[in-house]
Amino acid sequence: MAGNGQTIIDLDRKRMTAMAEKDIRTLTEVLSDDLIYTHSSARLDTKQSLIGNMENGSTVYTSVVPSDVKAQDLGDSVVLTGVCRISVNAGGKPNSFGVRFTDVYANKGGKWQMVTWQSTKLPD
């Protein structure tokens, strides 16, 4: 399974684009049912709550742009680290900020899915 690093970097970029484009179909495929998504504010989401907040408009991502992404291929899992610039409207308040993130994808029956996201807000 070695050599999956670039594939997962590309898949994660697709996931970020899907968040900004509110592409629920892609998110449903890419996010694992047991996802643990820790926002830079320390708020936790599951797959269901993350997508639900996007669908009901309480969280609207307008831009999610990664940079400096590195992959650690561990066989059936790949750990990504990098920086991301996020623009979001949460609870009616627009916000734009940078984060440093750790992101984990697991190969589940031949299908790569994101299982964990953890981000830390960068200083302005």
N, C-alpha and C. Protein backbone atom coordinates (compact mmCIF):
# COMPACT_ATOMS: atom_id res chain seq x y z
N MET A 1 0.81 -1.21 0.00
CA MET A 1 0.00 0.00 0.00
C MET A 1 0.85 1.26 0.00
N ALA A 2 2.16 1.11 0.08
CA ALA A 2 3.02 2.29 0.11
C ALA A 2 2.86 3.10 -1.16
N GLY A 3 3.11 4.39 -1.06
CA GLY A 3 3.03 5.25 -2.23
C GLY A 3 1.69 5.94 -2.39
N ASN A 4 0.88 5.95 -1.33
CA ASN A 4 -0.44 6.56 -1.40
C ASN A 4 -0.44 8.05 -1.03
N GLY A 5 0.69 8.59 -0.66
CA GLY A 5 0.74 9.97 -0.17
C GLY A 5 0.12 10.99 -1.10
N GLN A 6 0.56 11.03 -2.36
CA GLN A 6 0.04 12.04 -3.29
C GLN A 6 -1.43 11.81 -3.60
N THR A 7 -1.85 10.56 -3.66
CA THR A 7 -3.26 10.24 -3.90
C THR A 7 -4.13 10.84 -2.80
N ILE A 8 -3.68 10.73 -1.56
CA ILE A 8 -4.47 11.23 -0.43
C ILE A 8 -4.39 12.75 -0.35
N ILE A 9 -3.25 13.34 -0.68
CA ILE A 9 -3.17 14.81 -0.75
C ILE A 9 -4.20 15.32 -1.77
N ASP A 10 -4.28 14.66 -2.92
CA ASP A 10 -5.25 15.06 -3.94
C ASP A 10 -6.68 14.84 -3.47
N LEU A 11 -6.94 13.72 -2.79
CA LEU A 11 -8.28 13.43 -2.28
C LEU A 11 -8.69 14.46 -1.23
N ASP A 12 -7.74 14.86 -0.39
CA ASP A 12 -8.06 15.85 0.64
C ASP A 12 -8.34 17.23 0.03
N ARG A 13 -7.62 17.56 -1.03
CA ARG A 13 -7.90 18.83 -1.74
C ARG A 13 -9.32 18.78 -2.33
N LYS A 14 -9.69 17.62 -2.86
CA LYS A 14 -11.05 17.44 -3.39
C LYS A 14 -12.07 17.62 -2.26
N ARG A 15 -11.79 17.07 -1.09
CA ARG A 15 -12.67 17.21 0.07
C ARG A 15 -12.81 18.67 0.47
N MET A 16 -11.71 19.41 0.50
CA MET A 16 -11.76 20.83 0.86
C MET A 16 -12.56 21.63 -0.15
N THR A 17 -12.36 21.33 -1.44
CA THR A 17 -13.14 22.00 -2.48
C THR A 17 -14.62 21.67 -2.32
N ALA A 18 -14.93 20.43 -2.00
CA ALA A 18 -16.33 20.02 -1.79
C ALA A 18 -16.95 20.78 -0.62
N MET A 19 -16.18 21.06 0.41
CA MET A 19 -16.71 21.84 1.54
C MET A 19 -17.07 23.25 1.08
N ALA A 20 -16.19 23.88 0.30
CA ALA A 20 -16.43 25.24 -0.16
C ALA A 20 -17.56 25.30 -1.18
N GLU A 21 -17.77 24.21 -1.92
CA GLU A 21 -18.82 24.18 -2.93
C GLU A 21 -20.10 23.53 -2.44
N LYS A 22 -20.11 23.16 -1.15
CA LYS A 22 -21.27 22.50 -0.53
C LYS A 22 -21.67 21.26 -1.34
N ASP A 23 -20.66 20.49 -1.72
CA ASP A 23 -20.85 19.26 -2.50
C ASP A 23 -21.04 18.10 -1.51
N ILE A 24 -22.28 17.94 -1.07
CA ILE A 24 -22.60 16.96 -0.03
C ILE A 24 -22.32 15.54 -0.51
N ARG A 25 -22.56 15.26 -1.77
CA ARG A 25 -22.33 13.91 -2.30
C ARG A 25 -20.87 13.49 -2.14
N THR A 26 -19.96 14.38 -2.53
CA THR A 26 -18.53 14.07 -2.39
C THR A 26 -18.16 13.92 -0.92
N LEU A 27 -18.66 14.81 -0.07
CA LEU A 27 -18.35 14.73 1.36
C LEU A 27 -18.86 13.42 1.96
N THR A 28 -20.04 12.99 1.57
CA THR A 28 -20.60 11.74 2.08
C THR A 28 -19.71 10.56 1.73
N GLU A 29 -19.09 10.60 0.55
CA GLU A 29 -18.21 9.51 0.12
C GLU A 29 -16.85 9.56 0.82
N VAL A 30 -16.31 10.78 0.98
CA VAL A 30 -14.93 10.93 1.46
C VAL A 30 -14.82 10.89 2.99
N LEU A 31 -15.85 11.33 3.69
CA LEU A 31 -15.81 11.35 5.15
C LEU A 31 -16.28 10.01 5.71
N SER A 32 -15.51 9.49 6.66
CA SER A 32 -15.85 8.22 7.30
C SER A 32 -17.04 8.42 8.24
N ASP A 33 -17.86 7.38 8.36
CA ASP A 33 -19.02 7.45 9.27
C ASP A 33 -18.59 7.68 10.72
N ASP A 34 -17.36 7.29 11.07
CA ASP A 34 -16.87 7.47 12.45
C ASP A 34 -15.92 8.67 12.56
N LEU A 35 -16.07 9.64 11.65
CA LEU A 35 -15.22 10.84 11.64
C LEU A 35 -15.25 11.58 12.99
N ILE A 36 -14.06 12.02 13.41
CA ILE A 36 -13.92 12.95 14.54
C ILE A 36 -13.27 14.20 13.96
N TYR A 37 -14.03 15.29 13.90
CA TYR A 37 -13.57 16.53 13.28
C TYR A 37 -13.46 17.59 14.37
N THR A 38 -12.22 17.95 14.71
CA THR A 38 -11.97 18.94 15.75
C THR A 38 -11.59 20.25 15.09
N HIS A 39 -12.47 21.24 15.25
CA HIS A 39 -12.24 22.57 14.67
C HIS A 39 -11.16 23.31 15.45
N SER A 40 -10.64 24.37 14.86
CA SER A 40 -9.61 25.18 15.54
C SER A 40 -10.17 25.88 16.78
N SER A 41 -11.49 25.95 16.90
CA SER A 41 -12.14 26.53 18.09
C SER A 41 -12.33 25.48 19.18
N ALA A 42 -11.94 24.26 18.93
CA ALA A 42 -12.08 23.10 19.81
C ALA A 42 -13.47 22.47 19.73
N ARG A 43 -14.35 23.00 18.89
CA ARG A 43 -15.67 22.38 18.69
C ARG A 43 -15.48 21.05 17.97
N LEU A 44 -16.24 20.05 18.39
CA LEU A 44 -16.18 18.73 17.78
C LEU A 44 -17.38 18.53 16.86
N ASP A 45 -17.13 17.87 15.74
CA ASP A 45 -18.20 17.45 14.85
C ASP A 45 -18.02 15.99 14.49
N THR A 46 -19.14 15.35 14.18
CA THR A 46 -19.15 14.04 13.56
C THR A 46 -19.40 14.25 12.07
N LYS A 47 -19.38 13.20 11.30
CA LYS A 47 -19.73 13.32 9.88
C LYS A 47 -21.13 13.91 9.75
N GLN A 48 -22.06 13.38 10.55
CA GLN A 48 -23.44 13.80 10.46
C GLN A 48 -23.62 15.27 10.86
N SER A 49 -22.98 15.70 11.94
CA SER A 49 -23.15 17.09 12.38
C SER A 49 -22.43 18.07 11.46
N LEU A 50 -21.26 17.68 10.93
CA LEU A 50 -20.53 18.55 10.02
C LEU A 50 -21.35 18.81 8.75
N ILE A 51 -21.82 17.73 8.14
CA ILE A 51 -22.63 17.86 6.92
C ILE A 51 -23.96 18.54 7.25
N GLY A 52 -24.56 18.18 8.37
CA GLY A 52 -25.84 18.78 8.76
C GLY A 52 -25.74 20.29 8.93
N ASN A 53 -24.67 20.76 9.55
CA ASN A 53 -24.47 22.21 9.74
C ASN A 53 -24.27 22.92 8.41
N MET A 54 -23.66 22.22 7.45
CA MET A 54 -23.49 22.80 6.12
C MET A 54 -24.83 22.84 5.39
N GLU A 55 -25.60 21.78 5.52
CA GLU A 55 -26.90 21.71 4.84
C GLU A 55 -27.90 22.73 5.38
N ASN A 56 -27.89 22.93 6.71
CA ASN A 56 -28.87 23.88 7.28
C ASN A 56 -28.38 25.33 7.26
N GLY A 57 -27.16 25.55 6.78
CA GLY A 57 -26.66 26.90 6.61
C GLY A 57 -26.04 27.53 7.84
N SER A 58 -25.94 26.78 8.94
CA SER A 58 -25.31 27.37 10.14
C SER A 58 -23.80 27.49 9.98
N THR A 59 -23.21 26.65 9.11
CA THR A 59 -21.80 26.75 8.76
C THR A 59 -21.68 26.74 7.25
N VAL A 60 -21.18 27.85 6.69
CA VAL A 60 -21.04 27.96 5.23
C VAL A 60 -19.58 28.26 4.92
N TYR A 61 -18.89 27.25 4.39
CA TYR A 61 -17.51 27.45 3.97
C TYR A 61 -17.51 28.12 2.60
N THR A 62 -16.78 29.21 2.46
CA THR A 62 -16.71 29.89 1.17
C THR A 62 -15.37 29.63 0.48
N SER A 63 -14.35 29.26 1.25
CA SER A 63 -13.05 28.95 0.67
C SER A 63 -12.26 28.09 1.66
N VAL A 64 -11.66 27.03 1.15
CA VAL A 64 -10.79 26.17 1.96
C VAL A 64 -9.60 25.83 1.07
N VAL A 65 -8.44 26.46 1.36
CA VAL A 65 -7.28 26.34 0.46
C VAL A 65 -6.06 25.82 1.24
N PRO A 66 -5.61 24.61 0.92
CA PRO A 66 -4.45 24.04 1.62
C PRO A 66 -3.13 24.49 1.01
N SER A 67 -2.08 24.41 1.80
CA SER A 67 -0.72 24.65 1.32
C SER A 67 0.26 23.87 2.18
N ASP A 68 1.44 23.67 1.66
CA ASP A 68 2.53 23.01 2.38
C ASP A 68 2.10 21.66 2.99
N VAL A 69 1.33 20.88 2.21
CA VAL A 69 0.81 19.60 2.72
C VAL A 69 1.85 18.50 2.51
N LYS A 70 2.09 17.75 3.57
CA LYS A 70 3.01 16.62 3.55
C LYS A 70 2.23 15.37 3.95
N ALA A 71 2.64 14.23 3.41
CA ALA A 71 1.97 12.96 3.71
C ALA A 71 2.94 11.98 4.35
N GLN A 72 2.44 11.25 5.34
CA GLN A 72 3.15 10.12 5.93
C GLN A 72 2.32 8.88 5.60
N ASP A 73 2.82 8.05 4.70
CA ASP A 73 2.10 6.86 4.28
C ASP A 73 2.43 5.73 5.24
N LEU A 74 1.41 5.25 5.95
CA LEU A 74 1.60 4.19 6.93
C LEU A 74 0.97 2.88 6.47
N GLY A 75 0.71 2.75 5.19
CA GLY A 75 0.12 1.53 4.65
C GLY A 75 -1.38 1.68 4.49
N ASP A 76 -2.15 1.24 5.50
CA ASP A 76 -3.60 1.36 5.44
C ASP A 76 -4.11 2.68 6.00
N SER A 77 -3.18 3.57 6.34
CA SER A 77 -3.56 4.92 6.75
C SER A 77 -2.50 5.91 6.25
N VAL A 78 -2.95 7.13 6.04
CA VAL A 78 -2.06 8.20 5.62
C VAL A 78 -2.35 9.41 6.50
N VAL A 79 -1.30 9.97 7.08
CA VAL A 79 -1.42 11.16 7.91
C VAL A 79 -0.95 12.36 7.08
N LEU A 80 -1.81 13.37 7.00
CA LEU A 80 -1.45 14.60 6.32
C LEU A 80 -1.23 15.70 7.34
N THR A 81 -0.24 16.54 7.10
CA THR A 81 -0.03 17.75 7.89
C THR A 81 0.15 18.89 6.90
N GLY A 82 -0.30 20.06 7.31
CA GLY A 82 -0.16 21.20 6.42
C GLY A 82 -0.79 22.45 7.00
N VAL A 83 -0.95 23.42 6.13
CA VAL A 83 -1.54 24.70 6.48
C VAL A 83 -2.76 24.87 5.58
N CYS A 84 -3.77 25.54 6.09
CA CYS A 84 -4.97 25.75 5.31
C CYS A 84 -5.53 27.13 5.62
N ARG A 85 -5.97 27.81 4.60
CA ARG A 85 -6.64 29.11 4.75
C ARG A 85 -8.13 28.86 4.58
N ILE A 86 -8.92 29.24 5.59
CA ILE A 86 -10.36 28.95 5.61
C ILE A 86 -11.14 30.25 5.70
N SER A 87 -12.15 30.37 4.85
CA SER A 87 -13.13 31.45 4.96
C SER A 87 -14.47 30.77 5.19
N VAL A 88 -15.16 31.21 6.24
CA VAL A 88 -16.39 30.54 6.66
C VAL A 88 -17.35 31.56 7.25
N ASN A 89 -18.62 31.29 7.08
CA ASN A 89 -19.66 32.07 7.74
C ASN A 89 -20.31 31.11 8.73
N ALA A 90 -20.05 31.33 10.01
CA ALA A 90 -20.56 30.45 11.06
C ALA A 90 -21.49 31.24 11.98
N GLY A 91 -22.70 30.78 12.10
CA GLY A 91 -23.66 31.47 12.94
C GLY A 91 -23.94 32.89 12.47
N GLY A 92 -23.85 33.10 11.17
CA GLY A 92 -24.12 34.43 10.61
C GLY A 92 -22.94 35.38 10.66
N LYS A 93 -21.79 34.92 11.14
CA LYS A 93 -20.62 35.78 11.26
C LYS A 93 -19.52 35.31 10.30
N PRO A 94 -19.11 36.18 9.36
CA PRO A 94 -18.02 35.79 8.46
C PRO A 94 -16.67 35.81 9.19
N ASN A 95 -15.82 34.88 8.82
CA ASN A 95 -14.51 34.79 9.45
C ASN A 95 -13.54 34.19 8.44
N SER A 96 -12.30 34.65 8.49
CA SER A 96 -11.25 34.12 7.63
C SER A 96 -9.98 33.99 8.46
N PHE A 97 -9.35 32.83 8.37
CA PHE A 97 -8.18 32.58 9.22
C PHE A 97 -7.37 31.43 8.64
N GLY A 98 -6.17 31.28 9.15
CA GLY A 98 -5.31 30.18 8.77
C GLY A 98 -5.21 29.17 9.90
N VAL A 99 -5.02 27.90 9.53
CA VAL A 99 -4.84 26.84 10.52
C VAL A 99 -3.67 25.95 10.10
N ARG A 100 -3.08 25.32 11.08
CA ARG A 100 -2.16 24.21 10.83
C ARG A 100 -2.98 22.97 11.18
N PHE A 101 -2.91 21.95 10.33
CA PHE A 101 -3.78 20.80 10.55
C PHE A 101 -3.05 19.47 10.50
N THR A 102 -3.66 18.49 11.13
CA THR A 102 -3.33 17.08 11.00
C THR A 102 -4.61 16.39 10.59
N ASP A 103 -4.50 15.55 9.60
CA ASP A 103 -5.64 14.94 8.95
C ASP A 103 -5.28 13.48 8.71
N VAL A 104 -6.17 12.55 9.03
CA VAL A 104 -5.87 11.13 8.86
C VAL A 104 -6.91 10.48 7.95
N TYR A 105 -6.41 9.76 6.96
CA TYR A 105 -7.25 8.96 6.06
C TYR A 105 -6.94 7.49 6.30
N ALA A 106 -7.98 6.66 6.26
CA ALA A 106 -7.82 5.22 6.41
C ALA A 106 -8.39 4.52 5.18
N ASN A 107 -7.73 3.42 4.80
CA ASN A 107 -8.23 2.59 3.72
C ASN A 107 -9.23 1.62 4.32
N LYS A 108 -10.49 1.82 3.98
CA LYS A 108 -11.57 0.98 4.52
C LYS A 108 -12.14 0.15 3.38
N GLY A 109 -11.67 -1.08 3.30
CA GLY A 109 -12.15 -1.98 2.26
C GLY A 109 -11.84 -1.51 0.86
N GLY A 110 -10.68 -0.87 0.68
CA GLY A 110 -10.27 -0.39 -0.63
C GLY A 110 -10.73 1.03 -0.93
N LYS A 111 -11.42 1.67 0.00
CA LYS A 111 -11.92 3.03 -0.19
C LYS A 111 -11.29 3.93 0.87
N TRP A 112 -10.59 4.98 0.42
CA TRP A 112 -9.94 5.90 1.33
C TRP A 112 -10.97 6.90 1.87
N GLN A 113 -11.00 7.06 3.21
CA GLN A 113 -11.90 8.02 3.84
C GLN A 113 -11.18 8.75 4.97
N MET A 114 -11.58 10.02 5.16
CA MET A 114 -11.01 10.82 6.24
C MET A 114 -11.65 10.39 7.56
N VAL A 115 -10.82 10.05 8.54
CA VAL A 115 -11.31 9.61 9.84
C VAL A 115 -11.08 10.64 10.95
N THR A 116 -10.11 11.53 10.76
CA THR A 116 -9.79 12.51 11.79
C THR A 116 -9.29 13.80 11.16
N TRP A 117 -9.72 14.93 11.73
CA TRP A 117 -9.22 16.26 11.39
C TRP A 117 -8.99 16.98 12.71
N GLN A 118 -7.84 17.57 12.86
CA GLN A 118 -7.50 18.39 14.04
C GLN A 118 -6.78 19.62 13.53
N SER A 119 -7.25 20.80 13.91
CA SER A 119 -6.60 22.02 13.44
C SER A 119 -6.35 22.98 14.59
N THR A 120 -5.32 23.78 14.41
CA THR A 120 -4.93 24.80 15.38
C THR A 120 -4.84 26.12 14.62
N LYS A 121 -5.52 27.12 15.14
CA LYS A 121 -5.54 28.42 14.48
C LYS A 121 -4.15 29.05 14.52
N LEU A 122 -3.75 29.61 13.38
CA LEU A 122 -2.47 30.33 13.29
C LEU A 122 -2.65 31.75 13.80
N PRO A 123 -1.61 32.33 14.37
CA PRO A 123 -1.71 33.74 14.79
C PRO A 123 -1.97 34.63 13.58
N ASP A 124 -2.72 35.68 13.78
CA ASP A 124 -3.03 36.62 12.67
C ASP A 124 -1.81 37.35 12.19
